[in-house]
Amino acid sequence: MRLRLTQPARTTAVAATALLALTLGVLPAQAADTAGTARTTAAARHTPALDREALRASLDAFRDAGMFGAFTSVRSGAESWRGATGLADTATGRPMAPGLEHRIGSISKSFTAVAVLQQVERGRIDLDAPVGRYLPGLVTGERGAKVTVRMLLNHTSGIGDYVLPAFPGILEDPGATLDRNRLRHIEPEELARLGLAAPPAQERGRFSYSNTNYILAGLLLEKVTGQDPEAYITRHVIRPAGLRHTYYPSSPSLKGPHARMYESFFGLIDPPRDYSTYDMSWAGTAGAMVSTTDDLNTFYRKLLGGRLIGKAALREMKTTVPGYDTAPGEEALMRYGLGIYTLRMPSGGWYWGHDGAVFGAGTWSLATEDGRRQVSLAYNLMKYQRFDEQGQQLPDPITPAMYAYVDGALSGAPAPAGLRSSAPAPAAPPLVDRLPVR
C-alpha cells in the first residue's frame, strides 16, 4: 500500500520517520553495528583477487532489480575494477558510465571529522570540551555546557535534525517543496538554529543521527581556524589526499560529467524527478560534497592507513558507540565513530566507511580495516522504498540486490542472485544521511 502523506497525523509521523531514516545517510538498525573497533575478520586478513565477471553480473542484478543506474569502483590490493550499469538519463537513454561525478551526501561527514581531528592534533580543539566553549552565542545553556565536540561527531549530542524544518511542506507535497527550494540559499547558522530548536530524537548520550551535529562541527572549525570550513577542508583534507574530482559545489550544478539524479520520495513523486541541479547550501559540511567512486576509495584508503591524521587521532575516530537500539543481548550491527562507522555485512564481514543520500543521489563507500579491499557505489534513484500505514517498510528487490553487490565486492564472492548468507535482507539501504542529505 502506498504511504499517503496527506492523511492525518499518524501517517505524517510515519512519513517523517521514514524520511529521517533515509536522508543524508546512515544505516538503520536492521543493517548496522559492530562489536568493537579491534575486531578482525577473515575479510580483513586476506585480499581476494577481483572476479570481474561476477562483479559485472552482480552490478547488473542491481539494475535489473529496479535501480535506474549505478557506477562503481572496487579495489583489492593493487587490482582495481570500474563498472557501470543502467541509465544516467532516463529521458534520452544515455547510459551510465564509470568515473562520473556524484553528490555523496553524508560521506561528507568523514571529511569534516578529519578536519576537526586535525585541529585536535594541533591542540586547538578538545574532543571532550563543551561546544559552548567554542560557539557560546549559538549553543547555549545546559547544552552549551554538556554537549561535547565528541558528541557532535558521534551523534550522541541529543540535538535534533534541521532538515524537516528547513523544508516546510515536504511531507505534504514533496515535489512542490523540493522544486520551490531548488535555488534557495541557506546559511549554516540558520540551519544550526533550526536544528537546535527541533525536538531531539533521543536523550543526550545515546546515538541519534542528526545532520545538525555536522553543521555545528563546520561552524566550530570556522571559529578555531578563522577560515571558511569548506575552504579549510578543501586545503587540508581533499588536496592532501590527492583527490582530483572532490569538491564543494559553488553553484547548483556539478562541474563535470554526471548522471541525472532522480527522487521518488517513497512514490509520492511519480514519475521520479531529476534533482541533479540543486543549491546544496542546505547540506553544507553535513552533506554537500561532490566526488567520484575512485576518489572515495582513495580517501578512505589514505584515512584508514593513517596518512591524513595520526595514529592517536585515528584511534579516536574509530572509537565507536552502538548505532540504534538493539534488543537485550543482541549485538549491534553498526557502530558509529567520529564521522565514520563500522558495519557488519550479511555475509559476516565487518567494514569501515560511510554512506550518503541526498535528493536523487545515493552513495556507499566501505573498506576493510586495513584499506586493502574497497568498494564505492553511486546510484541515481532515491527513496524508492514503500511503507505501509504503520510505517513498516515493504519488501523490495532493490535493497537486497544492492547489499549483495557491495557485500560480494568486499568479500570477494559477488552473488548476483541475491544475498549469499542465510541472514535476512536488511529492511533498508545503508543511509547515514537521515534526511534529504543522508
Protein backbone atom coordinates (compact mmCIF):
# COMPACT_ATOMS: atom_id res chain seq x y z
CA MET A 1 0.00 0.00 0.00
CA ARG A 2 1.31 3.46 -0.86
CA LEU A 3 2.07 5.76 2.03
CA ARG A 4 -0.37 8.68 1.97
CA LEU A 5 1.36 11.69 3.47
CA THR A 6 -1.81 13.76 3.22
CA GLN A 7 -3.66 11.55 5.69
CA PRO A 8 -3.95 12.52 9.36
CA ALA A 9 -1.18 12.96 11.88
CA ARG A 10 -0.37 9.27 12.27
CA THR A 11 0.57 8.91 8.62
CA THR A 12 2.52 12.17 8.64
CA ALA A 13 4.53 10.86 11.58
CA VAL A 14 5.22 7.67 9.63
CA ALA A 15 6.47 9.72 6.70
CA ALA A 16 8.67 11.85 8.93
CA THR A 17 10.22 8.75 10.46
CA ALA A 18 10.87 7.23 7.05
CA LEU A 19 12.35 10.44 5.69
CA LEU A 20 14.64 10.95 8.65
CA ALA A 21 15.84 7.40 8.23
CA LEU A 22 16.58 7.74 4.54
CA THR A 23 18.15 11.15 4.09
CA LEU A 24 21.81 12.12 4.03
CA GLY A 25 22.64 8.60 5.05
CA VAL A 26 23.21 6.24 7.94
CA LEU A 27 22.33 2.65 8.32
CA PRO A 28 19.08 1.72 10.00
CA ALA A 29 19.03 -0.62 12.94
CA GLN A 30 18.36 -3.66 10.77
CA ALA A 31 21.60 -3.22 8.88
CA ALA A 32 24.18 -1.93 11.29
CA ASP A 33 26.53 -2.20 14.30
CA THR A 34 29.81 -3.85 15.07
CA ALA A 35 31.24 -5.47 18.16
CA GLY A 36 34.19 -3.18 18.53
CA THR A 37 36.98 -1.32 16.84
CA ALA A 38 39.60 -4.00 17.39
CA ARG A 39 37.59 -6.78 15.74
CA THR A 40 39.44 -8.53 12.92
CA THR A 41 37.60 -10.60 10.33
CA ALA A 42 38.61 -13.06 7.69
CA ALA A 43 37.79 -10.42 5.10
CA ALA A 44 40.39 -8.11 6.64
CA ARG A 45 43.10 -10.78 6.91
CA HIS A 46 43.40 -11.56 3.23
CA THR A 47 42.72 -9.78 -0.02
CA PRO A 48 40.88 -11.94 -2.57
CA ALA A 49 41.52 -11.36 -6.26
CA LEU A 50 38.85 -9.49 -8.19
CA ASP A 51 36.33 -11.59 -10.09
CA ARG A 52 35.37 -9.09 -12.79
CA GLU A 53 32.70 -11.24 -14.41
CA ALA A 54 30.97 -11.83 -11.09
CA LEU A 55 31.18 -8.13 -10.20
CA ARG A 56 29.63 -7.21 -13.55
CA ALA A 57 26.80 -9.74 -13.11
CA SER A 58 26.09 -8.58 -9.56
CA LEU A 59 26.07 -4.90 -10.58
CA ASP A 60 23.68 -5.65 -13.44
CA ALA A 61 21.43 -7.51 -10.99
CA PHE A 62 21.18 -4.25 -9.02
CA ARG A 63 19.90 -2.56 -12.20
CA ASP A 64 17.56 -5.44 -13.02
CA ALA A 65 16.05 -5.14 -9.53
CA GLY A 66 14.80 -1.66 -10.44
CA MET A 67 17.67 0.81 -9.94
CA PHE A 68 17.83 3.32 -12.81
CA GLY A 69 21.62 3.36 -13.00
CA ALA A 70 24.78 2.86 -10.94
CA PHE A 71 28.55 3.06 -11.23
CA THR A 72 31.27 1.70 -9.00
CA SER A 73 34.96 1.29 -8.22
CA VAL A 74 36.39 -1.80 -6.50
CA ARG A 75 39.95 -2.30 -5.21
CA SER A 76 41.73 -5.39 -3.97
CA GLY A 77 45.37 -4.68 -3.19
CA ALA A 78 46.95 -3.48 -6.44
CA GLU A 79 43.97 -4.62 -8.56
CA SER A 80 41.05 -2.39 -9.44
CA TRP A 81 37.82 -2.58 -11.43
CA ARG A 82 35.35 0.08 -12.52
CA GLY A 83 31.87 -0.67 -13.78
CA ALA A 84 28.59 0.98 -14.69
CA THR A 85 25.09 -0.23 -15.42
CA GLY A 86 21.72 1.19 -16.42
CA LEU A 87 20.86 4.74 -17.39
CA ALA A 88 22.33 8.11 -16.47
CA ASP A 89 19.36 9.82 -18.16
CA THR A 90 16.03 8.03 -18.47
CA ALA A 91 14.65 10.56 -20.97
CA THR A 92 17.44 10.32 -23.53
CA GLY A 93 18.63 6.77 -22.81
CA ARG A 94 22.17 7.98 -22.07
CA PRO A 95 23.95 5.05 -20.41
CA MET A 96 25.64 5.26 -17.05
CA ALA A 97 29.44 5.38 -17.21
CA PRO A 98 32.26 4.83 -14.69
CA GLY A 99 34.05 7.86 -13.28
CA LEU A 100 31.13 10.30 -13.23
CA GLU A 101 30.83 12.98 -10.57
CA HIS A 102 28.10 12.40 -7.98
CA ARG A 103 26.64 14.07 -4.90
CA ILE A 104 27.90 11.99 -1.96
CA GLY A 105 25.67 13.27 0.85
CA SER A 106 26.76 12.32 4.35
CA ILE A 107 30.03 10.79 3.25
CA SER A 108 30.97 14.47 3.56
CA LYS A 109 30.87 13.92 7.32
CA SER A 110 34.01 11.80 7.20
CA PHE A 111 35.88 14.75 5.62
CA THR A 112 34.51 17.19 8.23
CA ALA A 113 35.51 14.86 11.06
CA VAL A 114 39.06 14.54 9.67
CA ALA A 115 39.37 18.33 9.59
CA VAL A 116 38.19 18.63 13.21
CA LEU A 117 40.60 15.90 14.31
CA GLN A 118 43.45 17.75 12.62
CA GLN A 119 42.64 20.68 14.88
CA VAL A 120 42.53 18.30 17.85
CA GLU A 121 46.06 17.21 16.93
CA ARG A 122 47.14 20.87 16.87
CA GLY A 123 45.69 21.44 20.34
CA ARG A 124 43.08 23.94 19.16
CA ILE A 125 40.08 21.69 19.85
CA ASP A 126 39.47 19.38 22.80
CA LEU A 127 37.18 16.49 21.89
CA ASP A 128 35.73 16.37 25.39
CA ALA A 129 35.29 20.11 25.83
CA PRO A 130 31.77 21.56 25.78
CA VAL A 131 30.68 23.02 22.46
CA GLY A 132 29.63 26.20 24.24
CA ARG A 133 33.32 26.95 24.81
CA TYR A 134 33.74 27.41 21.05
CA LEU A 135 30.25 28.58 19.99
CA PRO A 136 28.97 30.43 23.09
CA GLY A 137 26.45 32.57 21.23
CA LEU A 138 24.91 29.65 19.38
CA VAL A 139 24.90 26.58 21.64
CA THR A 140 23.80 27.98 24.99
CA GLY A 141 22.51 26.92 28.38
CA GLU A 142 22.73 23.32 29.52
CA ARG A 143 23.52 22.05 26.01
CA GLY A 144 26.35 24.51 25.64
CA ALA A 145 27.82 23.22 28.90
CA LYS A 146 27.20 19.48 28.49
CA VAL A 147 27.31 18.67 24.77
CA THR A 148 30.93 17.97 23.82
CA VAL A 149 32.70 18.09 20.48
CA ARG A 150 32.90 14.29 20.57
CA MET A 151 29.12 14.11 20.98
CA LEU A 152 28.66 16.15 17.82
CA LEU A 153 30.93 13.86 15.83
CA ASN A 154 29.45 10.57 17.08
CA HIS A 155 25.81 11.74 17.08
CA THR A 156 25.19 11.41 20.82
CA SER A 157 24.52 15.13 21.40
CA GLY A 158 20.74 14.78 21.60
CA ILE A 159 20.38 17.75 19.23
CA GLY A 160 17.53 17.49 16.73
CA ASP A 161 17.79 17.48 12.94
CA TYR A 162 17.23 20.61 10.87
CA VAL A 163 16.10 19.04 7.58
CA LEU A 164 12.35 18.86 8.14
CA PRO A 165 12.04 22.43 9.46
CA ALA A 166 14.31 23.66 6.64
CA PHE A 167 11.83 22.26 4.08
CA PRO A 168 8.37 23.14 5.40
CA GLY A 169 5.66 21.31 3.49
CA ILE A 170 7.91 18.47 2.34
CA LEU A 171 5.75 15.79 3.94
CA GLU A 172 2.52 17.12 2.48
CA ASP A 173 3.73 17.92 -1.06
CA PRO A 174 7.37 16.84 -1.54
CA GLY A 175 7.58 17.59 -5.26
CA ALA A 176 6.36 21.18 -4.93
CA THR A 177 8.53 21.75 -1.85
CA LEU A 178 11.71 20.47 -3.50
CA ASP A 179 11.01 22.46 -6.65
CA ARG A 180 10.34 25.62 -4.68
CA ASN A 181 13.66 25.34 -2.83
CA ARG A 182 15.84 24.26 -5.77
CA LEU A 183 17.79 27.56 -5.90
CA ARG A 184 17.33 28.66 -2.28
CA HIS A 185 20.49 29.52 -0.33
CA ILE A 186 20.54 28.79 3.41
CA GLU A 187 23.31 29.97 5.73
CA PRO A 188 24.80 27.36 8.12
CA GLU A 189 23.89 29.48 11.16
CA GLU A 190 20.23 29.28 10.11
CA LEU A 191 20.46 25.51 9.71
CA ALA A 192 22.06 25.23 13.15
CA ARG A 193 19.32 27.29 14.79
CA LEU A 194 16.62 25.21 13.13
CA GLY A 195 18.25 22.03 14.42
CA LEU A 196 18.78 23.39 17.91
CA ALA A 197 15.09 24.31 18.06
CA ALA A 198 13.95 20.92 16.72
CA PRO A 199 12.83 18.21 19.16
CA PRO A 200 15.58 15.68 19.90
CA ALA A 201 15.02 12.10 18.80
CA GLN A 202 16.98 10.66 21.73
CA GLU A 203 18.31 11.82 25.07
CA ARG A 204 21.86 13.10 25.20
CA GLY A 205 24.40 10.28 25.37
CA ARG A 206 22.51 7.90 23.06
CA PHE A 207 23.13 7.61 19.33
CA SER A 208 20.69 9.63 17.24
CA TYR A 209 21.77 10.66 13.77
CA SER A 210 21.42 14.39 13.25
CA ASN A 211 22.78 16.49 10.42
CA THR A 212 22.78 19.50 12.74
CA ASN A 213 25.77 17.99 14.55
CA TYR A 214 27.93 18.37 11.46
CA ILE A 215 26.72 21.85 10.61
CA LEU A 216 27.83 22.79 14.13
CA ALA A 217 31.14 20.98 13.54
CA GLY A 218 31.69 23.14 10.47
CA LEU A 219 30.94 26.32 12.41
CA LEU A 220 33.31 25.13 15.14
CA LEU A 221 36.01 24.58 12.53
CA GLU A 222 35.43 28.09 11.20
CA LYS A 223 35.72 29.55 14.71
CA VAL A 224 39.05 27.92 15.56
CA THR A 225 40.73 28.28 12.14
CA GLY A 226 39.36 31.65 11.08
CA GLN A 227 38.65 30.12 7.65
CA ASP A 228 35.54 29.15 5.77
CA PRO A 229 35.14 25.47 6.78
CA GLU A 230 34.61 24.23 3.21
CA ALA A 231 37.75 26.07 2.09
CA TYR A 232 39.69 24.64 5.05
CA ILE A 233 38.55 21.09 4.29
CA THR A 234 39.50 21.57 0.64
CA ARG A 235 43.02 22.74 1.50
CA HIS A 236 43.77 20.42 4.40
CA VAL A 237 41.83 17.23 3.63
CA ILE A 238 40.85 16.97 -0.04
CA ARG A 239 44.12 18.22 -1.55
CA PRO A 240 46.49 16.31 0.78
CA ALA A 241 44.52 13.15 -0.06
CA GLY A 242 45.28 13.75 -3.74
CA LEU A 243 41.61 13.84 -4.77
CA ARG A 244 41.10 15.40 -8.18
CA HIS A 245 37.31 15.31 -8.55
CA THR A 246 36.12 16.01 -5.00
CA TYR A 247 34.76 19.43 -4.11
CA TYR A 248 32.05 21.53 -2.54
CA PRO A 249 29.84 22.86 -5.36
CA SER A 250 29.93 26.62 -5.83
CA SER A 251 26.69 26.60 -7.85
CA PRO A 252 23.59 24.41 -8.08
CA SER A 253 25.21 22.47 -10.95
CA LEU A 254 28.04 19.94 -10.89
CA LYS A 255 31.27 20.87 -12.70
CA GLY A 256 31.93 17.66 -14.58
CA PRO A 257 30.06 14.84 -16.34
CA HIS A 258 27.36 13.36 -14.13
CA ALA A 259 24.15 11.38 -14.19
CA ARG A 260 20.73 12.83 -13.63
CA MET A 261 19.60 12.18 -10.06
CA TYR A 262 16.03 11.04 -9.57
CA GLU A 263 13.91 11.43 -6.43
CA SER A 264 10.83 9.28 -5.86
CA PHE A 265 10.10 10.26 -2.24
CA PHE A 266 8.53 6.90 -1.42
CA GLY A 267 6.31 7.01 -4.51
CA LEU A 268 4.89 10.48 -3.86
CA ILE A 269 6.89 11.99 -6.73
CA ASP A 270 5.69 9.91 -9.67
CA PRO A 271 7.40 9.68 -12.03
CA PRO A 272 10.65 10.33 -10.13
CA ARG A 273 12.01 13.83 -10.79
CA ASP A 274 15.57 14.93 -11.59
CA TYR A 275 17.24 16.98 -8.84
CA SER A 276 20.83 16.86 -10.08
CA THR A 277 20.72 20.68 -10.21
CA TYR A 278 20.16 21.90 -6.65
CA ASP A 279 21.58 24.52 -4.29
CA MET A 280 23.34 22.36 -1.71
CA SER A 281 23.85 25.07 0.91
CA TRP A 282 21.13 23.26 2.85
CA ALA A 283 23.59 20.37 3.39
CA GLY A 284 26.88 22.23 3.92
CA THR A 285 29.53 20.43 5.95
CA ALA A 286 26.97 17.72 6.73
CA GLY A 287 26.46 16.56 3.17
CA ALA A 288 27.11 18.93 0.24
CA MET A 289 30.22 17.36 -1.33
CA VAL A 290 30.65 16.03 -4.86
CA SER A 291 33.09 13.22 -5.63
CA THR A 292 33.75 10.12 -7.72
CA THR A 293 33.92 6.48 -6.66
CA ASP A 294 37.65 6.39 -7.43
CA ASP A 295 38.28 9.42 -5.22
CA LEU A 296 36.26 7.91 -2.38
CA ASN A 297 38.32 4.72 -2.45
CA THR A 298 41.50 6.81 -2.37
CA PHE A 299 40.22 8.92 0.52
CA TYR A 300 39.26 6.02 2.79
CA ARG A 301 42.41 4.08 1.92
CA LYS A 302 44.58 7.01 2.99
CA LEU A 303 42.44 7.74 6.04
CA LEU A 304 42.49 4.16 7.33
CA GLY A 305 46.20 3.94 6.51
CA GLY A 306 46.96 6.88 8.82
CA ARG A 307 48.03 9.28 6.07
CA LEU A 308 45.51 12.05 6.79
CA ILE A 309 45.59 12.06 10.59
CA GLY A 310 47.96 10.47 13.10
CA LYS A 311 47.53 7.19 14.96
CA ALA A 312 46.08 8.75 18.11
CA ALA A 313 43.51 10.76 16.17
CA LEU A 314 42.59 7.76 14.04
CA ARG A 315 42.13 5.72 17.22
CA GLU A 316 39.69 8.36 18.49
CA MET A 317 37.89 8.32 15.14
CA LYS A 318 37.43 4.55 15.39
CA THR A 319 36.17 4.64 18.98
CA THR A 320 32.52 3.82 18.46
CA VAL A 321 29.09 3.82 20.05
CA PRO A 322 26.26 1.43 19.16
CA GLY A 323 24.19 2.73 16.26
CA TYR A 324 20.47 2.44 17.02
CA ASP A 325 18.80 0.44 19.74
CA THR A 326 19.07 -3.33 19.90
CA ALA A 327 17.15 -5.92 21.90
CA PRO A 328 18.74 -7.02 25.19
CA GLY A 329 21.64 -9.36 24.50
CA GLU A 330 21.76 -8.51 20.78
CA GLU A 331 24.93 -7.21 19.20
CA ALA A 332 24.65 -4.01 17.21
CA LEU A 333 25.37 -4.47 13.51
CA MET A 334 26.65 -0.91 13.12
CA ARG A 335 28.78 1.21 15.43
CA TYR A 336 29.40 4.88 14.77
CA GLY A 337 32.73 6.54 15.45
CA LEU A 338 33.71 10.12 14.61
CA GLY A 339 32.39 10.64 11.08
CA ILE A 340 32.90 7.00 10.15
CA TYR A 341 31.12 3.77 11.05
CA THR A 342 31.93 0.09 11.18
CA LEU A 343 29.32 -2.23 9.80
CA ARG A 344 28.68 -5.95 9.66
CA MET A 345 27.52 -7.12 6.24
CA PRO A 346 25.15 -10.07 5.75
CA SER A 347 27.98 -12.48 4.86
CA GLY A 348 29.63 -11.77 8.22
CA GLY A 349 32.47 -9.35 7.41
CA TRP A 350 32.96 -6.05 9.25
CA TYR A 351 33.92 -2.95 7.27
CA TRP A 352 34.61 0.75 7.74
CA GLY A 353 33.18 3.68 5.82
CA HIS A 354 30.03 5.75 5.38
CA ASP A 355 27.02 6.19 3.13
CA GLY A 356 25.28 9.23 1.76
CA ALA A 357 21.87 10.16 0.39
CA VAL A 358 20.63 13.46 -0.94
CA PHE A 359 17.69 14.23 -3.21
CA GLY A 360 18.17 11.87 -6.14
CA ALA A 361 21.66 10.60 -5.33
CA GLY A 362 22.86 7.72 -3.17
CA THR A 363 26.44 6.67 -2.43
CA TRP A 364 28.10 4.00 -0.30
CA SER A 365 31.81 3.53 0.39
CA LEU A 366 33.24 0.72 2.54
CA ALA A 367 36.67 -0.79 3.13
CA THR A 368 38.39 -3.45 5.16
CA GLU A 369 40.08 -2.08 8.25
CA ASP A 370 43.48 -2.09 6.54
CA GLY A 371 42.02 -0.37 3.46
CA ARG A 372 43.24 -3.06 1.06
CA ARG A 373 39.78 -4.16 -0.11
CA GLN A 374 37.33 -1.39 -1.02
CA VAL A 375 34.11 -0.68 -2.85
CA SER A 376 32.36 2.59 -3.63
CA LEU A 377 28.94 2.60 -5.29
CA ALA A 378 26.89 5.52 -6.65
CA TYR A 379 23.28 5.25 -7.82
CA ASN A 380 20.62 7.63 -9.10
CA LEU A 381 17.17 6.70 -7.79
CA MET A 382 16.36 7.66 -4.20
CA LYS A 383 13.60 6.79 -1.74
CA TYR A 384 12.34 4.03 -3.96
CA GLN A 385 11.14 2.23 -0.81
CA ARG A 386 7.48 1.92 0.07
CA PHE A 387 5.95 1.80 3.57
CA ASP A 388 2.64 0.62 4.90
CA GLU A 389 0.43 2.85 7.04
CA GLN A 390 2.06 1.56 10.22
CA GLY A 391 5.46 2.74 8.99
CA GLN A 392 6.78 -0.72 8.21
CA GLN A 393 8.93 -0.94 5.12
CA LEU A 394 7.53 -3.20 2.44
CA PRO A 395 9.81 -5.75 0.77
CA ASP A 396 11.58 -4.50 -2.34
CA PRO A 397 14.09 -6.17 -4.70
CA ILE A 398 16.46 -3.20 -4.97
CA THR A 399 17.79 -3.18 -1.41
CA PRO A 400 18.91 -6.83 -1.20
CA ALA A 401 20.45 -6.54 -4.69
CA MET A 402 22.47 -3.53 -3.51
CA TYR A 403 23.64 -5.32 -0.38
CA ALA A 404 24.52 -8.40 -2.44
CA TYR A 405 26.71 -6.32 -4.75
CA VAL A 406 28.51 -4.39 -2.00
CA ASP A 407 28.91 -7.43 0.26
CA GLY A 408 30.22 -9.56 -2.59
CA ALA A 409 32.62 -6.87 -3.80
CA LEU A 410 34.15 -6.72 -0.31
CA SER A 411 34.20 -10.43 0.47
CA GLY A 412 35.42 -11.44 -2.97
CA ALA A 413 32.36 -13.51 -3.83
CA PRO A 414 29.70 -11.39 -5.59
CA ALA A 415 26.29 -13.07 -5.70
CA PRO A 416 24.02 -11.66 -8.42
CA ALA A 417 21.13 -13.93 -7.45
CA GLY A 418 20.78 -12.28 -4.03
CA LEU A 419 22.32 -12.40 -0.59
CA ARG A 420 24.57 -15.42 -0.17
CA SER A 421 24.15 -15.81 3.55
CA SER A 422 21.07 -17.08 5.34
CA ALA A 423 20.74 -13.74 7.10
CA PRO A 424 17.56 -11.85 6.22
CA ALA A 425 17.92 -8.98 3.79
CA PRO A 426 18.20 -5.61 5.54
CA ALA A 427 14.99 -3.63 5.70
CA ALA A 428 16.53 -0.52 4.17
CA PRO A 429 19.66 0.56 2.36
CA PRO A 430 22.64 1.94 4.24
CA LEU A 431 21.91 5.54 4.87
CA VAL A 432 23.67 7.60 7.40
CA ASP A 433 22.22 10.66 5.83
CA ARG A 434 18.97 10.54 7.58
CA LEU A 435 17.04 13.15 5.63
CA PRO A 436 17.27 14.71 2.24
CA VAL A 437 21.01 14.61 2.96
CA ARG A 438 21.92 11.08 4.06
